[in-house]
Each structure stands twice: as C-alpha cells, then as structure tokens.
C-alpha cells in the first residue's frame, strides 16, 4: 500500500475499418514484445499526459484529505502523489479532516460522539479531542512531506509545508433547537498569506479548526474549510477524497460528470446517501463560488488523484458549471485535433492518409465529439445527392473512451445529417467492424451498389466490405 504508484501502460491503438471507421467497441491489447515495446509504450504514455501537465502548471488545487484516509494507512502514497504534482509546478493547498481520530479520542475518554445534519456537536471535551487529533495529523503530514530517502518517489524532493491560524471562524449557533456549541463555520480565509506561501514554492496545510477574533477555537468540517478556501483563492480545482468516491445513480453507476443544475436536482430529490449529499453540497458551493472544477474521488484507490487528473474520464465524479462534452460539426479550429486523432490509424495503415490541406478543405464534412476542448471522436459524411446516398467515413474514437457509446452517437449524428441533406441511404466500407455495423441496421451489399463516382475509387486490394443502411 505504501509502494509508489506505477504508471499504467497506455492502451493499444483502436481497431478500425478500411474506410476509417474505427471499431468503437474494440480495443485490442497487443502482447509485449520486449524492452523496445515497453519503451515505446512508456514514451506514448508520457506524451499523452503531457498536455495535462502543461495545462495544470501554475494552477491552484485545493485537496481535501479525510481522516479516514489517514486512518486506513493511505497517507504515504497520497503524499508521494501530491509531491509529484508540486514538482510539476502545481500549487497545492491541503485541507485535512479528523473525524475518526476525534471519535477515537472520545472513545478513550468514554464520551459519546453526537452529530446533527452531518455536523459534530462540539462540546468542550470534543473540542479538546479535535485539537489533539489535528495536532497529531499535522505532524504526521509534515513528517511525510519531509521524506527524502534515495530510491523512493520522495528522493530529491524539497516540499515545504506552511500552516497556521489562516482560517477565521464563527459559531454555527443554535439551529432548529440544536446547540452546536463549539462547532463553527468558516468566516474568512487569509488569502494574502496563503498566496504568499504558494508563490514562495511552499505547500499550505489547513486543519479543520478556526479561530474567532475573540480568541475562541471552533471545530469545522473539512468540506467547509476546503470549499471556502477554494472559493477565496479562486482555485482552479477542488479535489475531495471521499469514501463514496463520487456520485452514483440508483443502479450503482458512477456519474463521471455532473453539471451544477444536475447536482441541484440530485440534492433536491433527497435520494443520495447522507455522506454523499454532504460532500456534493460543498462541491456545488465551490463551483457556484467560481471554482472551475470540483472532483469527488475515492481515497481507497492508490493513485486516485493522478488517475483523476491525467486520464480523460478519471476515477470519480467531476462537477462542472455545464456539461463539458459536446457533439457538434467540426470547424477550422479542429483541424489539429482531427489530425492527432486520425494520425495513429493512418500510420498503422488502417486509414488512408489525409494531409492537413485535405482535412482543411473537407472540414465541413466532419462531426466531432469533444470533451473540455479535446477531440475524442470524429466521423465524416460524403454525400452523393444524385444517387440519394451518402458515405460515412473516418469514424474514429480515441481508445481511452471506446466502448462507452461515442461511436453510436457519431453514427446517429451522421444519419441525421444525411436525412437533412435528403439522402435515403448510408454506406460504409469496412474490413474489421462488419458486425458492429450489422448490429446497427446495415446490411451487406456489393461494390456494384456504390454510386458510380465512389465505385471508381474503390480499392480492390483492400477488399473492403460494403454495408448499406436505409434511412
């Protein structure tokens, strides 16, 4: 569990048809052929994550670490991952929780823990326990970031951790007849000091404790401190490590992306488990306060922070203002993204090579799927109006997201475009994905059924199958 996270090898190139119709549901993993294969896979993986590294350099991330993660023994792997992000130039503010540690302190004193609406009712004994737990966790974190043994992920690292009385708090008070005593809410974050520390190359550590101008200490929730800090700093991301690991539908399916409007609907419905709703509520507050992205990820998955940041779909739920995925017609600005998507298929001979000039001239034929500005799928429609038929070509889906329905969505959009153009039939040429198209209404046909213009360009060496669908 304390071993460093090893990068997963990149997925294999997608299977594709002879016409550029990449197999949307097929991902073949070729067996390793030796050191050269492994080196090539590593280089490909590193190049794939490079755009994320460039995008995140200099960005501010607020990371909420629950006490349960520390109790479960996942502290060292997390510290190693955060140290790596820090070395990449990302500015990290760490907020820790202490709920299980406080409960253990109370148990040792023979005192029962009390909660209301997800908040601890903090009497004087509970407050002392919170102080002890936070002090111990702070020391553990500072010690973990001070590691520097050779042959470990922390070798040659120099992570400085700054903490202090950076959170001003106020009491929750009496709500619905419940006196929360020394439980508080964040009133103000010392933004100037935190930014000074971040600009100096340090990492900032905040505890779930706040102080009033009169010198009182208040016990705060980790989620409140993290969300308030992210809003005050205008952070680029709020990352909450949670036991739930994200937002799930009633059937247990993880929702990888939730818009603010969808989050409000889920909370209003009251169907989410209490802990999940509590975390989502604070993530929503952060986004409404100007934080660009809020992520809820599992703390029990080794390397979850890295997997969430450097993979397209991540491993948890990302909360955004609006859904980031778009299915739309391509424009001139998409040429570079299309070249990057199609080039691997052209290099291995699956697709006929299209140079930049050709794609620029035919850009109006393409439909693309993009997510957060990155193109992950495409298809093109070539119409033959005289014959009332169109060809779907260059259907390609990034191997990272294959098998999730993007190929079918692209097919449906191409069919819509064909109908709008007055076409009655749609055909494809394929060598590898016949069954995928047969399941979607296509039937085998002959080369003679192609429009004359396209029939003259048919490549007899490839022996592509012809499939036609009535629209």
Protein backbone atom coordinates (compact mmCIF):
# COMPACT_ATOMS: atom_id res chain seq x y z
CA UNK A 1 0.00 0.00 0.00
CA UNK A 2 2.94 2.31 0.63
CA UNK A 3 4.63 1.42 -2.64
CA UNK A 4 4.90 4.19 -5.24
CA UNK A 5 2.21 4.34 -7.89
CA UNK A 6 3.35 2.78 -11.15
CA UNK A 7 2.01 4.37 -14.35
CA UNK A 8 -0.39 2.14 -16.22
CA UNK A 9 0.74 1.30 -19.75
CA UNK A 10 -1.15 3.13 -22.48
CA UNK A 11 -3.97 1.28 -24.22
CA UNK A 12 -3.38 -0.17 -27.63
CA UNK A 13 -4.37 1.59 -30.80
CA UNK A 14 -8.03 1.10 -31.74
CA UNK A 15 -9.17 -1.42 -34.27
CA UNK A 16 -10.55 0.35 -37.33
CA UNK A 17 -12.16 -0.30 -40.65
CA UNK A 18 -10.64 0.11 -44.06
CA UNK A 19 -12.52 3.34 -44.67
CA UNK A 20 -11.57 4.95 -41.41
CA UNK A 21 -14.47 3.55 -39.42
CA UNK A 22 -12.64 2.75 -36.21
CA UNK A 23 -14.12 -0.07 -34.19
CA UNK A 24 -15.95 1.89 -31.45
CA UNK A 25 -16.24 -1.12 -29.17
CA UNK A 26 -12.96 -2.89 -29.95
CA UNK A 27 -9.69 -2.30 -28.08
CA UNK A 28 -7.03 -4.91 -28.63
CA UNK A 29 -4.09 -5.10 -26.21
CA UNK A 30 -1.08 -6.48 -28.06
CA UNK A 31 1.31 -8.60 -26.07
CA UNK A 32 4.61 -7.05 -25.08
CA UNK A 33 7.44 -7.98 -27.43
CA UNK A 34 10.35 -6.94 -25.24
CA UNK A 35 12.17 -3.86 -23.94
CA UNK A 36 11.66 -1.86 -27.13
CA UNK A 37 7.90 -2.38 -26.93
CA UNK A 38 7.86 -1.34 -23.28
CA UNK A 39 9.93 1.75 -24.01
CA UNK A 40 7.62 2.74 -26.87
CA UNK A 41 4.57 2.32 -24.65
CA UNK A 42 6.14 4.42 -21.92
CA UNK A 43 7.01 7.22 -24.37
CA UNK A 44 3.48 7.13 -25.80
CA UNK A 45 2.01 7.32 -22.29
CA UNK A 46 4.22 10.25 -21.30
CA UNK A 47 3.35 12.15 -24.45
CA UNK A 48 -0.33 11.53 -23.81
CA UNK A 49 -0.25 13.08 -20.34
CA UNK A 50 1.98 16.00 -21.42
CA UNK A 51 -0.98 18.25 -22.40
CA UNK A 52 -2.43 17.86 -18.90
CA UNK A 53 0.92 18.76 -17.32
CA UNK A 54 1.15 21.89 -19.46
CA UNK A 55 -2.45 22.82 -18.65
CA UNK A 56 -2.07 22.36 -14.88
CA UNK A 57 1.31 24.03 -14.36
CA UNK A 58 0.88 27.08 -12.13
CA UNK A 59 -2.75 26.18 -11.30
CA UNK A 60 -4.07 26.16 -7.75
CA UNK A 61 -5.61 22.95 -6.42
CA UNK A 62 -7.31 22.61 -3.05
CA UNK A 63 -7.18 18.97 -1.93
CA UNK A 64 -9.40 17.74 0.92
CA UNK A 65 -7.99 14.69 2.71
CA UNK A 66 -10.36 12.96 5.16
CA UNK A 67 -9.18 11.47 8.42
CA UNK A 68 -10.43 8.10 7.20
CA UNK A 69 -7.70 8.08 4.53
CA UNK A 70 -5.03 8.62 7.16
CA UNK A 71 -6.57 6.04 9.46
CA UNK A 72 -6.61 3.48 6.63
CA UNK A 73 -2.88 3.91 6.03
CA UNK A 74 -3.03 5.67 2.65
CA UNK A 75 -1.09 8.76 3.76
CA UNK A 76 2.31 7.96 2.24
CA UNK A 77 1.05 7.15 -1.29
CA UNK A 78 -1.02 10.34 -1.29
CA UNK A 79 1.90 12.45 -0.10
CA UNK A 80 4.07 10.99 -2.84
CA UNK A 81 1.46 11.87 -5.47
CA UNK A 82 0.97 15.42 -4.16
CA UNK A 83 4.73 15.88 -4.04
CA UNK A 84 4.85 14.88 -7.71
CA UNK A 85 2.17 17.44 -8.59
CA UNK A 86 4.09 20.06 -6.62
CA UNK A 87 7.25 19.22 -8.58
CA UNK A 88 5.28 19.70 -11.82
CA UNK A 89 4.51 23.26 -10.81
CA UNK A 90 1.02 22.88 -9.38
CA UNK A 91 0.15 24.96 -6.32
CA UNK A 92 -1.34 22.76 -3.61
CA UNK A 93 -3.43 23.71 -0.60
CA UNK A 94 -4.09 20.67 1.57
CA UNK A 95 -7.05 20.53 3.95
CA UNK A 96 -7.20 17.54 6.27
CA UNK A 97 -10.11 16.06 8.20
CA UNK A 98 -10.01 14.31 11.56
CA UNK A 99 -13.42 12.77 12.21
CA UNK A 100 -12.36 9.18 13.03
CA UNK A 101 -9.40 10.41 15.06
CA UNK A 102 -11.65 12.65 17.16
CA UNK A 103 -14.10 9.79 17.64
CA UNK A 104 -11.26 7.58 18.84
CA UNK A 105 -10.16 10.23 21.33
CA UNK A 106 -13.72 10.50 22.61
CA UNK A 107 -13.96 6.72 22.90
CA UNK A 108 -10.82 6.61 25.00
CA UNK A 109 -12.40 9.18 27.31
CA UNK A 110 -15.66 7.25 27.48
CA UNK A 111 -17.63 10.05 25.79
CA UNK A 112 -20.27 9.51 23.10
CA UNK A 113 -19.96 11.45 19.81
CA UNK A 114 -23.04 13.45 18.76
CA UNK A 115 -24.00 14.69 15.30
CA UNK A 116 -26.80 16.66 13.70
CA UNK A 117 -27.24 17.29 9.95
CA UNK A 118 -23.81 15.81 9.29
CA UNK A 119 -22.04 18.16 11.72
CA UNK A 120 -20.45 17.22 15.01
CA UNK A 121 -21.90 18.82 18.12
CA UNK A 122 -18.68 20.01 19.71
CA UNK A 123 -18.80 20.26 23.49
CA UNK A 124 -15.63 21.26 25.44
CA UNK A 125 -14.42 17.64 25.61
CA UNK A 126 -14.93 17.12 21.87
CA UNK A 127 -13.08 20.37 21.16
CA UNK A 128 -10.05 19.20 23.13
CA UNK A 129 -10.14 15.93 21.24
CA UNK A 130 -10.31 17.84 17.94
CA UNK A 131 -7.26 19.87 18.89
CA UNK A 132 -5.27 16.78 19.81
CA UNK A 133 -6.28 14.94 16.64
CA UNK A 134 -5.50 17.89 14.38
CA UNK A 135 -2.12 18.42 16.02
CA UNK A 136 -1.17 14.79 15.55
CA UNK A 137 -2.31 14.69 11.93
CA UNK A 138 -0.49 17.92 11.15
CA UNK A 139 2.76 16.47 12.49
CA UNK A 140 2.24 13.26 10.52
CA UNK A 141 1.68 15.21 7.31
CA UNK A 142 4.68 17.45 7.83
CA UNK A 143 6.84 14.41 8.55
CA UNK A 144 5.55 12.62 5.43
CA UNK A 145 6.39 15.59 3.20
CA UNK A 146 9.89 15.70 4.73
CA UNK A 147 10.80 12.28 3.35
CA UNK A 148 13.78 12.14 1.05
CA UNK A 149 15.23 8.65 1.10
CA UNK A 150 17.01 7.52 -2.07
CA UNK A 151 15.15 5.11 -4.37
CA UNK A 152 11.75 6.42 -3.25
CA UNK A 153 9.32 8.78 -5.01
CA UNK A 154 10.29 11.46 -2.46
CA UNK A 155 14.01 11.36 -3.31
CA UNK A 156 15.44 14.84 -4.02
CA UNK A 157 12.12 16.46 -3.10
CA UNK A 158 12.08 19.64 -1.08
CA UNK A 159 8.47 20.24 -0.15
CA UNK A 160 7.97 22.92 2.47
CA UNK A 161 4.66 22.92 4.33
CA UNK A 162 3.21 26.12 5.78
CA UNK A 163 0.30 26.18 8.22
CA UNK A 164 -1.08 28.46 10.91
CA UNK A 165 -4.08 30.47 12.01
CA UNK A 166 -5.26 31.11 8.46
CA UNK A 167 -8.98 30.40 8.99
CA UNK A 168 -11.31 32.77 10.81
CA UNK A 169 -14.49 31.10 12.05
CA UNK A 170 -17.84 31.87 13.62
CA UNK A 171 -20.14 29.61 15.64
CA UNK A 172 -22.90 27.65 13.97
CA UNK A 173 -25.06 28.56 16.96
CA UNK A 174 -28.46 27.05 17.66
CA UNK A 175 -30.21 25.66 14.59
CA UNK A 176 -33.66 24.04 14.77
CA UNK A 177 -33.29 23.77 18.52
CA UNK A 178 -29.88 22.08 18.33
CA UNK A 179 -27.00 23.87 20.06
CA UNK A 180 -23.82 23.05 18.13
CA UNK A 181 -21.69 24.65 20.87
CA UNK A 182 -18.06 24.92 19.61
CA UNK A 183 -18.83 23.78 16.08
CA UNK A 184 -18.18 26.60 13.66
CA UNK A 185 -18.37 27.75 10.06
CA UNK A 186 -15.70 29.48 8.02
CA UNK A 187 -15.97 33.25 8.15
CA UNK A 188 -12.80 34.26 6.32
CA UNK A 189 -9.69 32.76 4.74
CA UNK A 190 -6.32 34.55 4.96
CA UNK A 191 -5.86 34.66 1.21
CA UNK A 192 -2.88 37.02 1.23
CA UNK A 193 -0.77 34.79 3.47
CA UNK A 194 -1.72 31.61 1.59
CA UNK A 195 -0.83 33.15 -1.76
CA UNK A 196 2.46 34.43 -0.38
CA UNK A 197 3.31 30.90 0.76
CA UNK A 198 2.28 29.39 -2.59
CA UNK A 199 4.29 31.99 -4.50
CA UNK A 200 7.28 31.07 -2.36
CA UNK A 201 7.04 27.48 -3.54
CA UNK A 202 5.53 26.06 -0.36
CA UNK A 203 2.52 23.83 0.11
CA UNK A 204 -0.15 25.12 2.51
CA UNK A 205 -1.76 22.86 5.11
CA UNK A 206 -5.06 23.80 6.76
CA UNK A 207 -6.67 21.99 9.69
CA UNK A 208 -10.43 21.75 10.37
CA UNK A 209 -10.09 24.34 13.11
CA UNK A 210 -10.85 28.05 13.01
CA UNK A 211 -10.40 30.94 15.34
CA UNK A 212 -12.61 33.89 16.17
CA UNK A 213 -11.38 37.49 16.64
CA UNK A 214 -12.04 36.99 20.37
CA UNK A 215 -9.60 34.07 20.51
CA UNK A 216 -12.10 31.20 20.60
CA UNK A 217 -11.38 27.97 18.74
CA UNK A 218 -14.06 26.25 16.69
CA UNK A 219 -14.27 22.77 15.23
CA UNK A 220 -15.02 22.96 11.49
CA UNK A 221 -15.87 20.42 8.82
CA UNK A 222 -13.14 19.56 6.34
CA UNK A 223 -15.55 20.12 3.44
CA UNK A 224 -16.45 23.63 4.64
CA UNK A 225 -12.80 24.64 5.00
CA UNK A 226 -11.86 23.17 1.62
CA UNK A 227 -14.78 24.72 -0.30
CA UNK A 228 -14.35 28.12 1.39
CA UNK A 229 -10.60 28.10 0.68
CA UNK A 230 -11.11 27.15 -2.96
CA UNK A 231 -13.62 29.98 -3.40
CA UNK A 232 -11.45 32.54 -1.63
CA UNK A 233 -8.37 31.63 -3.67
CA UNK A 234 -10.35 31.39 -6.92
CA UNK A 235 -8.78 27.93 -7.22
CA UNK A 236 -8.79 26.02 -10.47
CA UNK A 237 -9.85 22.76 -8.83
CA UNK A 238 -11.30 21.46 -5.60
CA UNK A 239 -10.45 17.78 -5.12
CA UNK A 240 -12.24 15.93 -2.33
CA UNK A 241 -11.09 12.42 -1.49
CA UNK A 242 -14.09 10.59 -0.10
CA UNK A 243 -15.13 7.10 0.89
CA UNK A 244 -18.02 7.24 -1.59
CA UNK A 245 -15.60 8.00 -4.41
CA UNK A 246 -18.13 10.01 -6.40
CA UNK A 247 -21.82 10.39 -7.16
CA UNK A 248 -23.67 7.21 -8.10
CA UNK A 249 -27.04 6.60 -9.75
CA UNK A 250 -29.61 4.38 -8.06
CA UNK A 251 -28.34 1.41 -10.10
CA UNK A 252 -24.81 1.90 -8.77
CA UNK A 253 -23.39 3.50 -11.92
CA UNK A 254 -20.76 6.16 -11.28
CA UNK A 255 -21.63 9.53 -12.77
CA UNK A 256 -18.32 10.78 -14.11
CA UNK A 257 -19.59 14.27 -14.83
CA UNK A 258 -22.35 16.26 -13.15
CA UNK A 259 -23.39 19.80 -14.04
CA UNK A 260 -24.39 22.31 -11.39
CA UNK A 261 -28.01 22.04 -12.46
CA UNK A 262 -27.93 18.24 -12.19
CA UNK A 263 -26.29 18.46 -8.76
CA UNK A 264 -29.07 20.72 -7.51
CA UNK A 265 -31.68 18.28 -8.80
CA UNK A 266 -29.96 15.34 -7.08
CA UNK A 267 -29.75 17.19 -3.78
CA UNK A 268 -33.36 18.39 -4.01
CA UNK A 269 -34.57 14.84 -4.70
CA UNK A 270 -33.12 13.68 -1.39
CA UNK A 271 -32.21 10.24 -2.73
CA UNK A 272 -28.46 10.45 -2.18
CA UNK A 273 -26.87 8.87 0.90
CA UNK A 274 -26.20 11.42 3.63
CA UNK A 275 -22.41 11.39 3.30
CA UNK A 276 -22.52 11.67 -0.48
CA UNK A 277 -25.03 14.53 -0.31
CA UNK A 278 -22.91 16.37 2.28
CA UNK A 279 -19.82 16.20 0.05
CA UNK A 280 -21.72 17.10 -3.13
CA UNK A 281 -23.34 20.08 -1.41
CA UNK A 282 -19.96 21.61 -0.61
CA UNK A 283 -18.57 20.79 -4.05
CA UNK A 284 -21.57 22.56 -5.57
CA UNK A 285 -21.00 25.57 -3.32
CA UNK A 286 -17.40 25.77 -4.54
CA UNK A 287 -18.44 25.69 -8.21
CA UNK A 288 -21.14 28.28 -7.64
CA UNK A 289 -18.48 30.40 -5.94
CA UNK A 290 -16.29 30.45 -9.04
CA UNK A 291 -14.17 27.28 -8.80
CA UNK A 292 -13.88 25.88 -12.31
CA UNK A 293 -13.96 22.16 -11.40
CA UNK A 294 -14.77 20.15 -8.29
CA UNK A 295 -13.80 16.48 -8.14
CA UNK A 296 -15.04 13.79 -5.74
CA UNK A 297 -12.72 10.78 -5.93
CA UNK A 298 -12.14 7.59 -3.91
CA UNK A 299 -9.50 7.75 -1.22
CA UNK A 300 -9.16 3.95 -1.15
CA UNK A 301 -7.76 3.74 -4.70
CA UNK A 302 -4.00 4.03 -4.89
CA UNK A 303 -3.06 6.97 -7.12
CA UNK A 304 -6.63 8.26 -7.43
CA UNK A 305 -5.50 11.90 -7.61
CA UNK A 306 -3.17 11.15 -10.52
CA UNK A 307 -5.74 8.98 -12.27
CA UNK A 308 -8.36 11.71 -11.96
CA UNK A 309 -6.11 14.48 -13.27
CA UNK A 310 -4.25 12.69 -16.06
CA UNK A 311 -6.96 10.43 -17.53
CA UNK A 312 -9.79 11.59 -19.73
CA UNK A 313 -12.61 10.14 -17.62
CA UNK A 314 -10.77 9.94 -14.31
CA UNK A 315 -11.94 7.70 -11.50
CA UNK A 316 -14.54 9.82 -9.71
CA UNK A 317 -17.17 12.46 -10.34
CA UNK A 318 -16.33 15.89 -11.74
CA UNK A 319 -18.73 18.74 -11.03
CA UNK A 320 -18.79 21.49 -13.65
CA UNK A 321 -20.91 24.52 -14.46
CA UNK A 322 -22.14 22.91 -17.66
CA UNK A 323 -21.58 19.51 -19.25
CA UNK A 324 -18.19 19.62 -20.94
CA UNK A 325 -18.85 17.04 -23.64
CA UNK A 326 -20.21 18.30 -26.93
CA UNK A 327 -21.24 16.56 -30.16
CA UNK A 328 -21.02 19.10 -32.95
CA UNK A 329 -19.96 19.80 -36.50
CA UNK A 330 -16.24 20.49 -36.97
CA UNK A 331 -14.75 23.87 -37.74
CA UNK A 332 -11.38 25.20 -38.94
CA UNK A 333 -10.00 25.27 -35.39
CA UNK A 334 -10.49 21.48 -35.13
CA UNK A 335 -8.03 20.51 -37.85
CA UNK A 336 -5.18 19.95 -35.41
CA UNK A 337 -7.33 17.81 -33.13
CA UNK A 338 -8.54 15.71 -36.04
CA UNK A 339 -5.00 15.13 -37.27
CA UNK A 340 -3.94 13.98 -33.79
CA UNK A 341 -6.90 11.59 -33.58
CA UNK A 342 -6.55 10.12 -37.09
CA UNK A 343 -2.76 10.00 -37.43
CA UNK A 344 -2.19 6.76 -35.41
CA UNK A 345 -4.74 4.95 -37.59
CA UNK A 346 -3.07 6.31 -40.72
CA UNK A 347 0.39 5.33 -39.51
CA UNK A 348 -0.60 1.69 -38.98
CA UNK A 349 -2.30 1.53 -42.38
CA UNK A 350 -5.85 1.35 -41.08
CA UNK A 351 -6.82 4.64 -42.72
CA UNK A 352 -5.86 6.26 -45.97
CA UNK A 353 -3.64 9.21 -45.09
CA UNK A 354 -5.25 12.62 -45.20
CA UNK A 355 -2.90 15.57 -45.20
CA UNK A 356 -3.72 18.80 -43.41
CA UNK A 357 -4.75 20.53 -46.63
CA UNK A 358 -7.32 17.85 -47.45
CA UNK A 359 -8.83 17.94 -43.96
CA UNK A 360 -8.98 21.73 -44.10
CA UNK A 361 -10.85 21.57 -47.40
CA UNK A 362 -13.23 18.87 -46.17
CA UNK A 363 -13.65 20.12 -42.59
CA UNK A 364 -17.35 20.77 -43.18
CA UNK A 365 -17.94 17.06 -43.70
CA UNK A 366 -16.73 16.15 -40.20
CA UNK A 367 -18.65 15.73 -36.95
CA UNK A 368 -16.64 15.63 -33.72
CA UNK A 369 -17.09 14.74 -30.07
CA UNK A 370 -15.07 16.94 -27.77
CA UNK A 371 -14.66 16.97 -24.01
CA UNK A 372 -13.26 20.02 -22.24
CA UNK A 373 -11.82 21.26 -25.53
CA UNK A 374 -10.18 17.96 -26.57
CA UNK A 375 -11.50 16.00 -29.58
CA UNK A 376 -12.07 12.32 -28.72
CA UNK A 377 -14.10 11.12 -31.69
CA UNK A 378 -14.97 12.03 -35.26
CA UNK A 379 -16.79 10.89 -38.38
CA UNK A 380 -17.32 12.37 -41.84
CA UNK A 381 -20.25 12.37 -44.27
CA UNK A 382 -19.66 12.49 -48.03
CA UNK A 383 -22.89 12.99 -49.95
CA UNK A 384 -23.76 11.74 -53.44
CA UNK A 385 -27.06 13.62 -53.97
CA UNK A 386 -27.66 12.33 -57.49
CA UNK A 387 -27.77 8.76 -56.15
CA UNK A 388 -29.55 9.70 -52.92
CA UNK A 389 -26.83 8.08 -50.85
CA UNK A 390 -24.02 9.16 -48.53
CA UNK A 391 -20.82 7.61 -47.25
CA UNK A 392 -19.80 7.65 -43.61
CA UNK A 393 -16.01 7.64 -43.38
CA UNK A 394 -13.22 8.41 -40.90
CA UNK A 395 -15.22 7.10 -37.94
CA UNK A 396 -12.65 7.08 -35.15
CA UNK A 397 -12.90 7.05 -31.36
CA UNK A 398 -9.98 7.60 -29.02
CA UNK A 399 -9.02 4.27 -27.42
CA UNK A 400 -9.24 5.85 -23.97
CA UNK A 401 -13.01 6.19 -24.28
CA UNK A 402 -14.01 3.33 -26.57
CA UNK A 403 -16.88 1.10 -25.54
CA UNK A 404 -18.90 3.95 -23.99
CA UNK A 405 -21.27 4.69 -26.84
CA UNK A 406 -19.44 7.53 -28.59
CA UNK A 407 -19.26 5.57 -31.85
CA UNK A 408 -23.02 5.08 -31.82
CA UNK A 409 -23.59 8.77 -31.06
CA UNK A 410 -21.44 9.73 -34.03
CA UNK A 411 -23.34 7.30 -36.26
CA UNK A 412 -26.66 8.77 -35.17
CA UNK A 413 -25.47 12.31 -35.89
CA UNK A 414 -24.20 11.32 -39.35
CA UNK A 415 -27.58 9.69 -40.08
CA UNK A 416 -29.33 12.91 -39.01
CA UNK A 417 -27.12 14.96 -41.29
CA UNK A 418 -27.76 12.56 -44.16
CA UNK A 419 -31.54 12.77 -43.73
CA UNK A 420 -31.35 16.56 -43.53
CA UNK A 421 -29.48 16.52 -46.86
CA UNK A 422 -32.29 14.49 -48.44
CA UNK A 423 -30.31 11.25 -48.62
CA UNK A 424 -32.18 7.96 -48.40
CA UNK A 425 -29.29 5.56 -47.75
CA UNK A 426 -25.94 5.49 -45.99
CA UNK A 427 -23.00 3.20 -46.78
CA UNK A 428 -19.67 2.35 -45.19
CA UNK A 429 -16.64 0.38 -46.34
CA UNK A 430 -15.05 -1.74 -43.65
CA UNK A 431 -12.59 -4.59 -43.21
CA UNK A 432 -12.80 -5.18 -39.45
CA UNK A 433 -16.01 -3.88 -37.95
CA UNK A 434 -18.71 -5.51 -40.05
CA UNK A 435 -20.58 -6.91 -37.05
CA UNK A 436 -20.66 -3.54 -35.30
CA UNK A 437 -22.47 -2.05 -38.29
CA UNK A 438 -24.71 -5.07 -38.84
CA UNK A 439 -26.00 -4.68 -35.27
CA UNK A 440 -26.95 -1.10 -36.14
CA UNK A 441 -29.10 -1.79 -39.16
CA UNK A 442 -26.59 -2.04 -42.00
CA UNK A 443 -26.75 -4.94 -44.46
CA UNK A 444 -24.10 -6.43 -46.71
CA UNK A 445 -24.08 -5.13 -50.26
CA UNK A 446 -21.86 -5.30 -53.32
CA UNK A 447 -19.45 -2.85 -54.89
CA UNK A 448 -21.88 -2.52 -57.81
CA UNK A 449 -24.36 -0.83 -55.45
CA UNK A 450 -21.97 2.05 -54.72
CA UNK A 451 -22.56 5.34 -56.55
CA UNK A 452 -20.59 5.48 -59.78
CA UNK A 453 -18.21 8.19 -58.59
CA UNK A 454 -17.29 6.21 -55.47
CA UNK A 455 -17.20 2.87 -57.29
CA UNK A 456 -14.40 4.15 -59.48
CA UNK A 457 -12.30 4.87 -56.38
CA UNK A 458 -12.85 1.50 -54.75
CA UNK A 459 -9.56 -0.10 -53.65
CA UNK A 460 -9.70 -3.73 -54.81
CA UNK A 461 -6.51 -4.61 -52.91
CA UNK A 462 -8.11 -3.84 -49.57
CA UNK A 463 -11.27 -5.81 -50.45
CA UNK A 464 -13.37 -3.74 -48.09
CA UNK A 465 -16.87 -4.98 -47.35
CA UNK A 466 -19.72 -2.73 -48.44
CA UNK A 467 -22.58 -2.20 -45.99
CA UNK A 468 -25.67 -0.09 -46.69
CA UNK A 469 -28.42 1.17 -44.40
CA UNK A 470 -31.82 2.55 -45.38
CA UNK A 471 -32.51 5.82 -43.59
